[in-house]
Amino acid sequence: MTMIIVDIADMRISDNPDETLITYSLGSCLGVAVYDPALHLGGLLHCMLPLSKVDKEKAKNRPFMFVDTGMQSMLTEMYACGMRKNRAVVNVAGGSQVLDNQNIFKIGERNFTVLRKILWKNGLLMQNQDVGGNKSRTVSLNIKTGRFSIKSSGKVVHYELS
């Protein structure tokens, strides 16, 4: 099994059954996995900030940094690879307040709010979510099986396709 690392402010798509997409250190960032079980096509996004309007130039050069541009770009690429909306399985983790103990900026919360709006506008629902709190998470998506895994505080939770 080959592990494909998705860096911060990045996204990867794969249809290789020998690959697992993984991203580390999700604090206020969101890790969003989208999977089409009929095609064994999966994508994993690691986005940092809710809205690209704070820096349009940066959003143009690094769209995956932002939830709004990153999520829309990932969906566009996955649809171009043949994904169908009615088969898309969406799993999400992150959105915590690891470095914002007083929750002043609410970046994690705002990230999740923007994501929910984008999914709603695209007619997509989340199958599983593990968001909020004050813990860091690592998530992975197995391309062969569609298994979405979350590791946090030394524990691993696996979500199988339902």
Protein backbone atom coordinates (compact mmCIF):
# COMPACT_ATOMS: atom_id res chain seq x y z
CA MET A 1 0.00 0.00 0.00
CA THR A 2 1.42 3.37 -1.05
CA MET A 3 0.70 6.34 1.19
CA ILE A 4 0.18 9.58 -0.74
CA ILE A 5 0.65 12.55 1.56
CA VAL A 6 -1.66 15.51 1.11
CA ASP A 7 0.15 18.57 2.44
CA ILE A 8 -1.44 21.55 4.12
CA ALA A 9 -3.35 23.66 1.59
CA ASP A 10 -3.26 20.85 -0.95
CA MET A 11 -5.46 18.18 -2.53
CA ARG A 12 -4.94 14.82 -4.21
CA ILE A 13 -7.22 12.61 -6.29
CA SER A 14 -6.57 8.94 -7.01
CA ASP A 15 -8.18 5.93 -8.64
CA ASN A 16 -5.22 3.65 -7.87
CA PRO A 17 -6.45 0.84 -5.56
CA ASP A 18 -2.93 0.48 -4.14
CA GLU A 19 -2.96 4.01 -2.74
CA THR A 20 -4.14 5.56 0.48
CA LEU A 21 -4.41 9.34 0.70
CA ILE A 22 -3.38 10.75 4.07
CA THR A 23 -3.08 14.17 5.67
CA TYR A 24 -1.60 15.04 9.05
CA SER A 25 -2.04 17.62 11.78
CA LEU A 26 -5.57 18.84 11.19
CA GLY A 27 -6.18 21.47 13.84
CA SER A 28 -8.50 24.23 12.72
CA CYS A 29 -7.92 22.99 9.16
CA LEU A 30 -10.42 20.64 7.56
CA GLY A 31 -9.68 17.30 5.95
CA VAL A 32 -12.40 16.52 3.42
CA ALA A 33 -12.54 13.12 1.72
CA VAL A 34 -14.84 12.48 -1.24
CA TYR A 35 -15.18 8.98 -2.65
CA ASP A 36 -17.07 7.40 -5.55
CA PRO A 37 -17.36 3.67 -4.74
CA ALA A 38 -18.35 2.67 -8.28
CA LEU A 39 -15.14 4.10 -9.72
CA HIS A 40 -12.91 3.60 -6.67
CA LEU A 41 -12.09 7.28 -7.11
CA GLY A 42 -11.19 9.33 -4.09
CA GLY A 43 -10.03 12.80 -3.25
CA LEU A 44 -8.62 14.32 -0.08
CA LEU A 45 -8.42 18.05 0.61
CA HIS A 46 -6.53 19.77 3.46
CA CYS A 47 -7.76 23.37 3.65
CA MET A 48 -6.77 26.04 6.16
CA LEU A 49 -9.08 29.03 5.91
CA PRO A 50 -12.78 29.46 5.16
CA LEU A 51 -13.02 32.11 2.44
CA SER A 52 -10.70 33.04 -0.41
CA LYS A 53 -11.85 36.65 -0.47
CA VAL A 54 -9.27 37.47 2.24
CA ASP A 55 -6.50 37.08 -0.36
CA LYS A 56 -7.69 36.66 -3.93
CA GLU A 57 -4.16 36.46 -5.34
CA LYS A 58 -3.20 33.69 -2.95
CA ALA A 59 -6.47 31.90 -3.71
CA LYS A 60 -5.66 32.04 -7.40
CA ASN A 61 -2.21 30.49 -6.83
CA ARG A 62 -3.18 28.12 -4.00
CA PRO A 63 -6.92 27.40 -4.23
CA PHE A 64 -6.73 24.44 -1.83
CA MET A 65 -5.72 26.76 1.01
CA PHE A 66 -9.33 27.90 1.28
CA VAL A 67 -12.47 25.86 1.90
CA ASP A 68 -14.54 27.68 -0.73
CA THR A 69 -12.11 27.50 -3.66
CA GLY A 70 -10.49 24.23 -2.59
CA MET A 71 -13.69 22.26 -2.21
CA GLN A 72 -15.14 23.54 -5.46
CA SER A 73 -11.88 22.76 -7.31
CA MET A 74 -11.76 19.23 -5.90
CA LEU A 75 -15.38 18.55 -6.88
CA THR A 76 -14.80 19.93 -10.38
CA GLU A 77 -11.76 17.68 -10.87
CA MET A 78 -13.56 14.63 -9.51
CA TYR A 79 -16.60 15.21 -11.74
CA ALA A 80 -14.19 15.50 -14.69
CA CYS A 81 -12.85 12.04 -13.72
CA GLY A 82 -16.37 10.59 -13.90
CA MET A 83 -17.64 10.89 -10.32
CA ARG A 84 -21.43 11.08 -10.00
CA LYS A 85 -23.06 13.25 -7.36
CA ASN A 86 -25.49 10.50 -6.34
CA ARG A 87 -22.59 8.14 -5.53
CA ALA A 88 -20.32 10.64 -3.74
CA VAL A 89 -19.50 9.78 -0.14
CA VAL A 90 -18.22 12.74 1.87
CA ASN A 91 -16.34 12.43 5.16
CA VAL A 92 -14.89 15.34 7.15
CA ALA A 93 -12.57 15.83 10.12
CA GLY A 94 -10.79 18.74 11.79
CA GLY A 95 -12.14 22.19 12.49
CA SER A 96 -10.89 22.23 16.06
CA GLN A 97 -9.50 25.09 18.12
CA VAL A 98 -6.07 23.62 18.91
CA LEU A 99 -4.18 26.96 18.81
CA ASP A 100 -7.15 29.20 19.58
CA ASN A 101 -7.86 28.21 23.19
CA GLN A 102 -10.14 31.19 23.79
CA ASN A 103 -11.90 30.55 20.45
CA ILE A 104 -11.44 34.17 19.41
CA PHE A 105 -10.99 33.63 15.68
CA LYS A 106 -13.25 30.56 15.37
CA ILE A 107 -11.39 29.48 12.24
CA GLY A 108 -12.25 25.79 12.67
CA GLU A 109 -15.91 26.58 13.23
CA ARG A 110 -15.98 28.98 10.26
CA ASN A 111 -14.23 26.40 8.05
CA PHE A 112 -16.91 23.84 8.83
CA THR A 113 -19.75 26.33 8.28
CA VAL A 114 -18.42 27.25 4.83
CA LEU A 115 -17.96 23.57 3.94
CA ARG A 116 -21.55 22.74 4.92
CA LYS A 117 -22.84 25.57 2.72
CA ILE A 118 -20.78 24.38 -0.26
CA LEU A 119 -21.96 20.79 0.17
CA TRP A 120 -25.57 21.96 0.47
CA LYS A 121 -25.27 24.09 -2.69
CA ASN A 122 -23.84 21.06 -4.51
CA GLY A 123 -26.51 18.66 -3.25
CA LEU A 124 -24.02 16.58 -1.24
CA LEU A 125 -24.35 15.22 2.29
CA MET A 126 -21.68 14.21 4.78
CA GLN A 127 -21.67 10.54 5.70
CA ASN A 128 -19.35 10.99 8.70
CA GLN A 129 -17.87 13.93 10.53
CA ASP A 130 -15.47 14.39 13.42
CA VAL A 131 -15.09 18.14 13.89
CA GLY A 132 -14.55 20.67 16.64
CA GLY A 133 -13.09 20.20 20.06
CA ASN A 134 -9.46 20.93 20.78
CA LYS A 135 -7.59 17.95 19.36
CA SER A 136 -5.44 17.42 16.31
CA ARG A 137 -6.39 14.73 13.81
CA THR A 138 -4.80 12.69 11.03
CA VAL A 139 -7.11 11.33 8.34
CA SER A 140 -6.73 8.84 5.54
CA LEU A 141 -8.79 7.50 2.65
CA ASN A 142 -8.16 4.01 1.27
CA ILE A 143 -8.83 4.13 -2.46
CA LYS A 144 -9.55 0.41 -2.84
CA THR A 145 -12.15 0.18 -0.07
CA GLY A 146 -13.27 3.76 0.56
CA ARG A 147 -12.43 3.37 4.25
CA PHE A 148 -12.05 6.76 5.93
CA SER A 149 -9.89 6.67 9.05
CA ILE A 150 -9.31 9.28 11.74
CA LYS A 151 -6.43 9.09 14.21
CA SER A 152 -6.57 11.36 17.24
CA SER A 153 -5.17 11.14 20.76
CA GLY A 154 -3.67 7.73 19.99
CA LYS A 155 -6.98 6.21 18.90
CA VAL A 156 -8.02 5.30 15.36
CA VAL A 157 -11.63 5.20 14.16
CA HIS A 158 -12.46 3.60 10.81
CA TYR A 159 -15.56 4.49 8.81
CA GLU A 160 -16.53 1.91 6.22
CA LEU A 161 -18.79 2.59 3.26
CA SER A 162 -22.43 2.07 4.19
